PDB file of N, CA and C in Angstrom:
ATOM      1  N   MET A   1      37.164 -19.317 166.859  1.00  0.00           N
ATOM      2  CA  MET A   1      36.301 -20.521 165.375  1.00  0.00           C
ATOM      3  C   MET A   1      36.345 -21.275 165.951  1.00  0.00           C
ATOM      4  N   SER A   2      34.839 -22.377 165.755  1.00  0.00           N
ATOM      5  CA  SER A   2      34.439 -23.351 167.017  1.00  0.00           C
ATOM      6  C   SER A   2      35.297 -24.842 165.816  1.00  0.00           C
ATOM      7  N   ASP A   3      35.166 -25.322 166.881  1.00  0.00           N
ATOM      8  CA  ASP A   3      35.396 -26.891 166.505  1.00  0.00           C
ATOM      9  C   ASP A   3      34.768 -27.678 164.897  1.00  0.00           C
ATOM     10  N   LEU A   4      35.465 -28.052 163.885  1.00  0.00           N
ATOM     11  CA  LEU A   4      34.597 -28.375 162.860  1.00  0.00           C
ATOM     12  C   LEU A   4      33.351 -29.543 162.909  1.00  0.00           C
ATOM     13  N   LEU A   5      33.862 -30.743 163.799  1.00  0.00           N
ATOM     14  CA  LEU A   5      32.905 -31.367 164.343  1.00  0.00           C
ATOM     15  C   LEU A   5      32.015 -30.876 165.808  1.00  0.00           C
ATOM     16  N   GLN A   6      30.731 -31.030 165.432  1.00  0.00           N
ATOM     17  CA  GLN A   6      29.981 -30.387 166.613  1.00  0.00           C
ATOM     18  C   GLN A   6      29.146 -31.735 167.157  1.00  0.00           C
ATOM     19  N   SER A   7      28.738 -31.638 168.808  1.00  0.00           N
ATOM     20  CA  SER A   7      27.670 -32.852 168.539  1.00  0.00           C
ATOM     21  C   SER A   7      26.654 -32.107 168.624  1.00  0.00           C
ATOM     22  N   HIS A   8      25.429 -32.150 168.662  1.00  0.00           N
ATOM     23  CA  HIS A   8      23.985 -31.354 168.523  1.00  0.00           C
ATOM     24  C   HIS A   8      22.524 -32.410 169.700  1.00  0.00           C
ATOM     25  N   LEU A   9      21.850 -32.485 170.233  1.00  0.00           N
ATOM     26  CA  LEU A   9      20.671 -32.375 170.643  1.00  0.00           C
ATOM     27  C   LEU A   9      19.753 -32.293 170.458  1.00  0.00           C
ATOM     28  N   LEU A  10      19.112 -33.536 169.798  1.00  0.00           N
ATOM     29  CA  LEU A  10      17.509 -33.136 168.922  1.00  0.00           C
ATOM     30  C   LEU A  10      16.483 -33.900 169.474  1.00  0.00           C
ATOM     31  N   MET A  11      15.575 -34.054 168.823  1.00  0.00           N
ATOM     32  CA  MET A  11      14.494 -34.746 169.172  1.00  0.00           C
ATOM     33  C   MET A  11      13.810 -35.671 167.972  1.00  0.00           C
ATOM     34  N   CYS A  12      13.940 -36.858 167.931  1.00  0.00           N
ATOM     35  CA  CYS A  12      13.455 -37.508 167.100  1.00  0.00           C
ATOM     36  C   CYS A  12      12.116 -37.672 167.009  1.00  0.00           C
ATOM     37  N   PRO A  13      11.876 -37.067 165.514  1.00  0.00           N
ATOM     38  CA  PRO A  13      10.282 -36.809 165.124  1.00  0.00           C
ATOM     39  C   PRO A  13       9.834 -38.105 165.496  1.00  0.00           C
ATOM     40  N   TYR A  14       9.783 -39.491 165.506  1.00  0.00           N
ATOM     41  CA  TYR A  14       9.430 -40.366 165.262  1.00  0.00           C
ATOM     42  C   TYR A  14       8.941 -41.053 166.826  1.00  0.00           C
ATOM     43  N   CYS A  15      10.269 -41.274 167.333  1.00  0.00           N
ATOM     44  CA  CYS A  15       9.589 -41.790 168.745  1.00  0.00           C
ATOM     45  C   CYS A  15      10.163 -40.324 170.161  1.00  0.00           C
ATOM     46  N   GLY A  16       9.815 -39.663 170.124  1.00  0.00           N
ATOM     47  CA  GLY A  16      10.156 -38.307 170.136  1.00  0.00           C
ATOM     48  C   GLY A  16      11.891 -38.661 171.773  1.00  0.00           C
ATOM     49  N   GLU A  17      12.293 -39.148 171.833  1.00  0.00           N
ATOM     50  CA  GLU A  17      13.653 -39.422 172.254  1.00  0.00           C
ATOM     51  C   GLU A  17      14.734 -38.363 171.742  1.00  0.00           C
ATOM     52  N   VAL A  18      14.850 -37.899 173.188  1.00  0.00           N
ATOM     53  CA  VAL A  18      16.508 -36.997 172.775  1.00  0.00           C
ATOM     54  C   VAL A  18      17.192 -37.971 172.318  1.00  0.00           C
ATOM     55  N   ILE A  19      18.184 -37.265 171.652  1.00  0.00           N
ATOM     56  CA  ILE A  19      18.922 -37.989 170.385  1.00  0.00           C
ATOM     57  C   ILE A  19      20.527 -37.394 170.198  1.00  0.00           C
ATOM     58  N   SER A  20      21.552 -37.591 170.380  1.00  0.00           N
ATOM     59  CA  SER A  20      22.450 -36.561 169.766  1.00  0.00           C
ATOM     60  C   SER A  20      23.450 -37.136 168.607  1.00  0.00           C
ATOM     61  N   VAL A  21      23.538 -36.089 167.498  1.00  0.00           N
ATOM     62  CA  VAL A  21      24.367 -36.048 166.448  1.00  0.00           C
ATOM     63  C   VAL A  21      25.372 -35.336 166.276  1.00  0.00           C
ATOM     64  N   LEU A  22      26.382 -35.730 165.388  1.00  0.00           N
ATOM     65  CA  LEU A  22      27.732 -34.987 165.077  1.00  0.00           C
ATOM     66  C   LEU A  22      27.336 -34.438 163.927  1.00  0.00           C
ATOM     67  N   VAL A  23      27.778 -33.198 163.849  1.00  0.00           N
ATOM     68  CA  VAL A  23      27.894 -32.160 162.959  1.00  0.00           C
ATOM     69  C   VAL A  23      28.988 -31.498 162.511  1.00  0.00           C
ATOM     70  N   ASP A  24      28.907 -32.171 161.014  1.00  0.00           N
ATOM     71  CA  ASP A  24      30.242 -31.768 160.506  1.00  0.00           C
ATOM     72  C   ASP A  24      30.036 -30.318 159.585  1.00  0.00           C
ATOM     73  N   CYS A  25      30.655 -29.501 160.879  1.00  0.00           N
ATOM     74  CA  CYS A  25      29.826 -27.672 160.717  1.00  0.00           C
ATOM     75  C   CYS A  25      30.916 -27.412 158.955  1.00  0.00           C
ATOM     76  N   SER A  26      32.066 -28.067 158.857  1.00  0.00           N
ATOM     77  CA  SER A  26      33.230 -27.291 157.946  1.00  0.00           C
ATOM     78  C   SER A  26      32.596 -27.241 156.131  1.00  0.00           C
ATOM     79  N   VAL A  27      30.661 -27.798 156.535  1.00  0.00           N
ATOM     80  CA  VAL A  27      30.105 -27.707 155.212  1.00  0.00           C
ATOM     81  C   VAL A  27      28.889 -26.602 155.487  1.00  0.00           C
ATOM     82  N   THR A  28      28.620 -25.488 155.173  1.00  0.00           N
ATOM     83  CA  THR A  28      27.652 -24.496 155.540  1.00  0.00           C
ATOM     84  C   THR A  28      26.574 -24.333 155.317  1.00  0.00           C
ATOM     85  N   GLU A  29      25.974 -25.845 154.514  1.00  0.00           N
ATOM     86  CA  GLU A  29      24.382 -25.863 153.928  1.00  0.00           C
ATOM     87  C   GLU A  29      24.483 -27.227 153.853  1.00  0.00           C
ATOM     88  N   GLN A  30      23.692 -28.461 154.039  1.00  0.00           N
ATOM     89  CA  GLN A  30      23.605 -29.728 154.136  1.00  0.00           C
ATOM     90  C   GLN A  30      22.549 -30.409 154.410  1.00  0.00           C
ATOM     91  N   SER A  31      21.968 -31.388 153.579  1.00  0.00           N
ATOM     92  CA  SER A  31      20.687 -32.103 154.445  1.00  0.00           C
ATOM     93  C   SER A  31      21.042 -33.747 153.714  1.00  0.00           C
ATOM     94  N   TYR A  32      20.889 -34.725 155.024  1.00  0.00           N
ATOM     95  CA  TYR A  32      21.277 -35.869 154.779  1.00  0.00           C
ATOM     96  C   TYR A  32      20.700 -36.902 155.527  1.00  0.00           C
ATOM     97  N   ILE A  33      20.270 -38.387 155.570  1.00  0.00           N
ATOM     98  CA  ILE A  33      19.568 -38.803 156.296  1.00  0.00           C
ATOM     99  C   ILE A  33      20.591 -40.103 157.169  1.00  0.00           C
ATOM    100  N   GLU A  34      19.554 -40.083 159.032  1.00  0.00           N
ATOM    101  CA  GLU A  34      20.736 -40.602 159.735  1.00  0.00           C
ATOM    102  C   GLU A  34      19.724 -41.422 160.906  1.00  0.00           C
ATOM    103  N   ASP A  35      19.568 -42.551 160.893  1.00  0.00           N
ATOM    104  CA  ASP A  35      19.059 -43.237 161.787  1.00  0.00           C
ATOM    105  C   ASP A  35      18.866 -42.560 162.992  1.00  0.00           C
ATOM    106  N   CYS A  36      18.172 -43.224 164.026  1.00  0.00           N
ATOM    107  CA  CYS A  36      17.747 -42.366 164.829  1.00  0.00           C
ATOM    108  C   CYS A  36      18.276 -43.479 166.168  1.00  0.00           C
ATOM    109  N   GLU A  37      19.387 -43.316 166.986  1.00  0.00           N
ATOM    110  CA  GLU A  37      19.911 -43.876 167.917  1.00  0.00           C
ATOM    111  C   GLU A  37      18.738 -44.745 169.061  1.00  0.00           C
ATOM    112  N   VAL A  38      17.710 -44.651 168.726  1.00  0.00           N
ATOM    113  CA  VAL A  38      16.627 -45.185 169.433  1.00  0.00           C
ATOM    114  C   VAL A  38      15.670 -46.421 169.087  1.00  0.00           C
ATOM    115  N   CYS A  39      14.871 -45.360 167.715  1.00  0.00           N
ATOM    116  CA  CYS A  39      13.808 -46.970 167.221  1.00  0.00           C
ATOM    117  C   CYS A  39      14.767 -46.493 165.633  1.00  0.00           C
ATOM    118  N   CYS A  40      15.769 -46.165 165.472  1.00  0.00           N
ATOM    119  CA  CYS A  40      16.543 -46.869 163.845  1.00  0.00           C
ATOM    120  C   CYS A  40      15.316 -45.727 162.758  1.00  0.00           C
ATOM    121  N   ARG A  41      15.163 -45.277 162.899  1.00  0.00           N
ATOM    122  CA  ARG A  41      14.001 -44.922 161.760  1.00  0.00           C
ATOM    123  C   ARG A  41      14.834 -43.832 161.039  1.00  0.00           C
ATOM    124  N   PRO A  42      14.647 -43.761 160.033  1.00  0.00           N
ATOM    125  CA  PRO A  42      15.443 -42.445 159.005  1.00  0.00           C
ATOM    126  C   PRO A  42      15.198 -41.512 159.419  1.00  0.00           C
ATOM    127  N   ILE A  43      15.658 -40.086 159.944  1.00  0.00           N
ATOM    128  CA  ILE A  43      15.448 -38.921 160.300  1.00  0.00           C
ATOM    129  C   ILE A  43      16.048 -38.118 158.902  1.00  0.00           C
ATOM    130  N   GLN A  44      15.502 -37.147 158.661  1.00  0.00           N
ATOM    131  CA  GLN A  44      15.983 -35.731 157.303  1.00  0.00           C
ATOM    132  C   GLN A  44      16.759 -34.367 158.271  1.00  0.00           C
ATOM    133  N   LEU A  45      17.806 -34.783 158.272  1.00  0.00           N
ATOM    134  CA  LEU A  45      18.476 -33.642 159.246  1.00  0.00           C
ATOM    135  C   LEU A  45      18.953 -32.649 157.882  1.00  0.00           C
ATOM    136  N   ARG A  46      19.116 -31.282 158.767  1.00  0.00           N
ATOM    137  CA  ARG A  46      19.284 -29.973 157.628  1.00  0.00           C
ATOM    138  C   ARG A  46      19.771 -29.470 158.444  1.00  0.00           C
ATOM    139  N   VAL A  47      20.981 -29.307 157.642  1.00  0.00           N
ATOM    140  CA  VAL A  47      22.152 -28.500 158.595  1.00  0.00           C
ATOM    141  C   VAL A  47      22.501 -26.705 158.143  1.00  0.00           C
ATOM    142  N   LEU A  48      22.344 -26.139 158.699  1.00  0.00           N
ATOM    143  CA  LEU A  48      23.093 -24.703 158.456  1.00  0.00           C
ATOM    144  C   LEU A  48      23.938 -24.151 159.536  1.00  0.00           C
ATOM    145  N   VAL A  49      25.211 -23.692 158.537  1.00  0.00           N
ATOM    146  CA  VAL A  49      25.824 -23.365 159.467  1.00  0.00           C
ATOM    147  C   VAL A  49      26.298 -21.618 159.429  1.00  0.00           C
ATOM    148  N   SER A  50      26.675 -20.703 160.928  1.00  0.00           N
ATOM    149  CA  SER A  50      26.763 -19.306 160.115  1.00  0.00           C
ATOM    150  C   SER A  50      28.122 -19.319 159.925  1.00  0.00           C
ATOM    151  N   ASP A  51      28.231 -17.935 159.672  1.00  0.00           N
ATOM    152  CA  ASP A  51      29.605 -17.747 159.375  1.00  0.00           C
ATOM    153  C   ASP A  51      30.587 -17.549 160.698  1.00  0.00           C
ATOM    154  N   GLU A  52      29.924 -17.368 161.711  1.00  0.00           N
ATOM    155  CA  GLU A  52      30.630 -17.580 163.367  1.00  0.00           C
ATOM    156  C   GLU A  52      30.619 -19.395 163.806  1.00  0.00           C
ATOM    157  N   GLY A  53      30.163 -19.925 162.681  1.00  0.00           N
ATOM    158  CA  GLY A  53      30.139 -21.021 162.780  1.00  0.00           C
ATOM    159  C   GLY A  53      29.179 -22.074 163.792  1.00  0.00           C
ATOM    160  N   ALA A  54      28.310 -21.244 164.308  1.00  0.00           N
ATOM    161  CA  ALA A  54      27.216 -21.798 165.187  1.00  0.00           C
ATOM    162  C   ALA A  54      26.253 -22.863 164.223  1.00  0.00           C
ATOM    163  N   ALA A  55      26.225 -23.927 164.715  1.00  0.00           N
ATOM    164  CA  ALA A  55      25.201 -24.972 163.991  1.00  0.00           C
ATOM    165  C   ALA A  55      23.178 -24.789 164.489  1.00  0.00           C
ATOM    166  N   GLN A  56      23.168 -24.415 162.709  1.00  0.00           N
ATOM    167  CA  GLN A  56      21.675 -24.975 163.470  1.00  0.00           C
ATOM    168  C   GLN A  56      21.066 -26.239 162.951  1.00  0.00           C
ATOM    169  N   VAL A  57      20.247 -27.332 163.122  1.00  0.00           N
ATOM    170  CA  VAL A  57      20.348 -28.386 163.440  1.00  0.00           C
ATOM    171  C   VAL A  57      18.830 -28.618 162.703  1.00  0.00           C
ATOM    172  N   THR A  58      17.758 -29.178 162.017  1.00  0.00           N
ATOM    173  CA  THR A  58      16.813 -29.570 161.913  1.00  0.00           C
ATOM    174  C   THR A  58      16.106 -31.017 161.710  1.00  0.00           C
ATOM    175  N   ALA A  59      15.319 -31.648 162.137  1.00  0.00           N
ATOM    176  CA  ALA A  59      15.476 -33.010 161.968  1.00  0.00           C
ATOM    177  C   ALA A  59      13.394 -33.102 161.709  1.00  0.00           C
ATOM    178  N   ALA A  60      13.254 -34.028 160.685  1.00  0.00           N
ATOM    179  CA  ALA A  60      12.193 -34.220 160.102  1.00  0.00           C
ATOM    180  C   ALA A  60      11.640 -35.772 159.809  1.00  0.00           C
ATOM    181  N   HIS A  61      10.798 -36.312 159.757  1.00  0.00           N
ATOM    182  CA  HIS A  61      10.596 -37.311 158.960  1.00  0.00           C
ATOM    183  C   HIS A  61      11.439 -37.745 157.872  1.00  0.00           C
ATOM    184  N   GLU A  62      11.257 -39.045 157.059  1.00  0.00           N
ATOM    185  CA  GLU A  62      12.142 -39.328 155.489  1.00  0.00           C
ATOM    186  C   GLU A  62      11.782 -37.840 154.514  1.00  0.00           C
ATOM    187  N   ASN A  63      10.415 -37.913 155.095  1.00  0.00           N
ATOM    188  CA  ASN A  63       9.607 -38.137 153.698  1.00  0.00           C
ATOM    189  C   ASN A  63       8.911 -35.896 153.389  1.00  0.00           C
ATOM    190  N   GLU A  64       9.842 -35.602 154.327  1.00  0.00           N
ATOM    191  CA  GLU A  64       9.342 -33.693 154.375  1.00  0.00           C
ATOM    192  C   GLU A  64       9.824 -33.020 153.873  1.00  0.00           C
TER     193      GLU A  64
END
């Protein structure tokens, strides 16, 4: 089984910079806001965790 906390790289939908987010894989489906570490704008993160523990993370503008 993989670690419950996984680091993921994704692109900020505002500034386009690659940022790192830490995902809690103990929750199979979640959605939350995290600020971009470069431009500080709020990013809507959606996380789906498979039965094998692999997380799929998508980033969107706050109101999408």
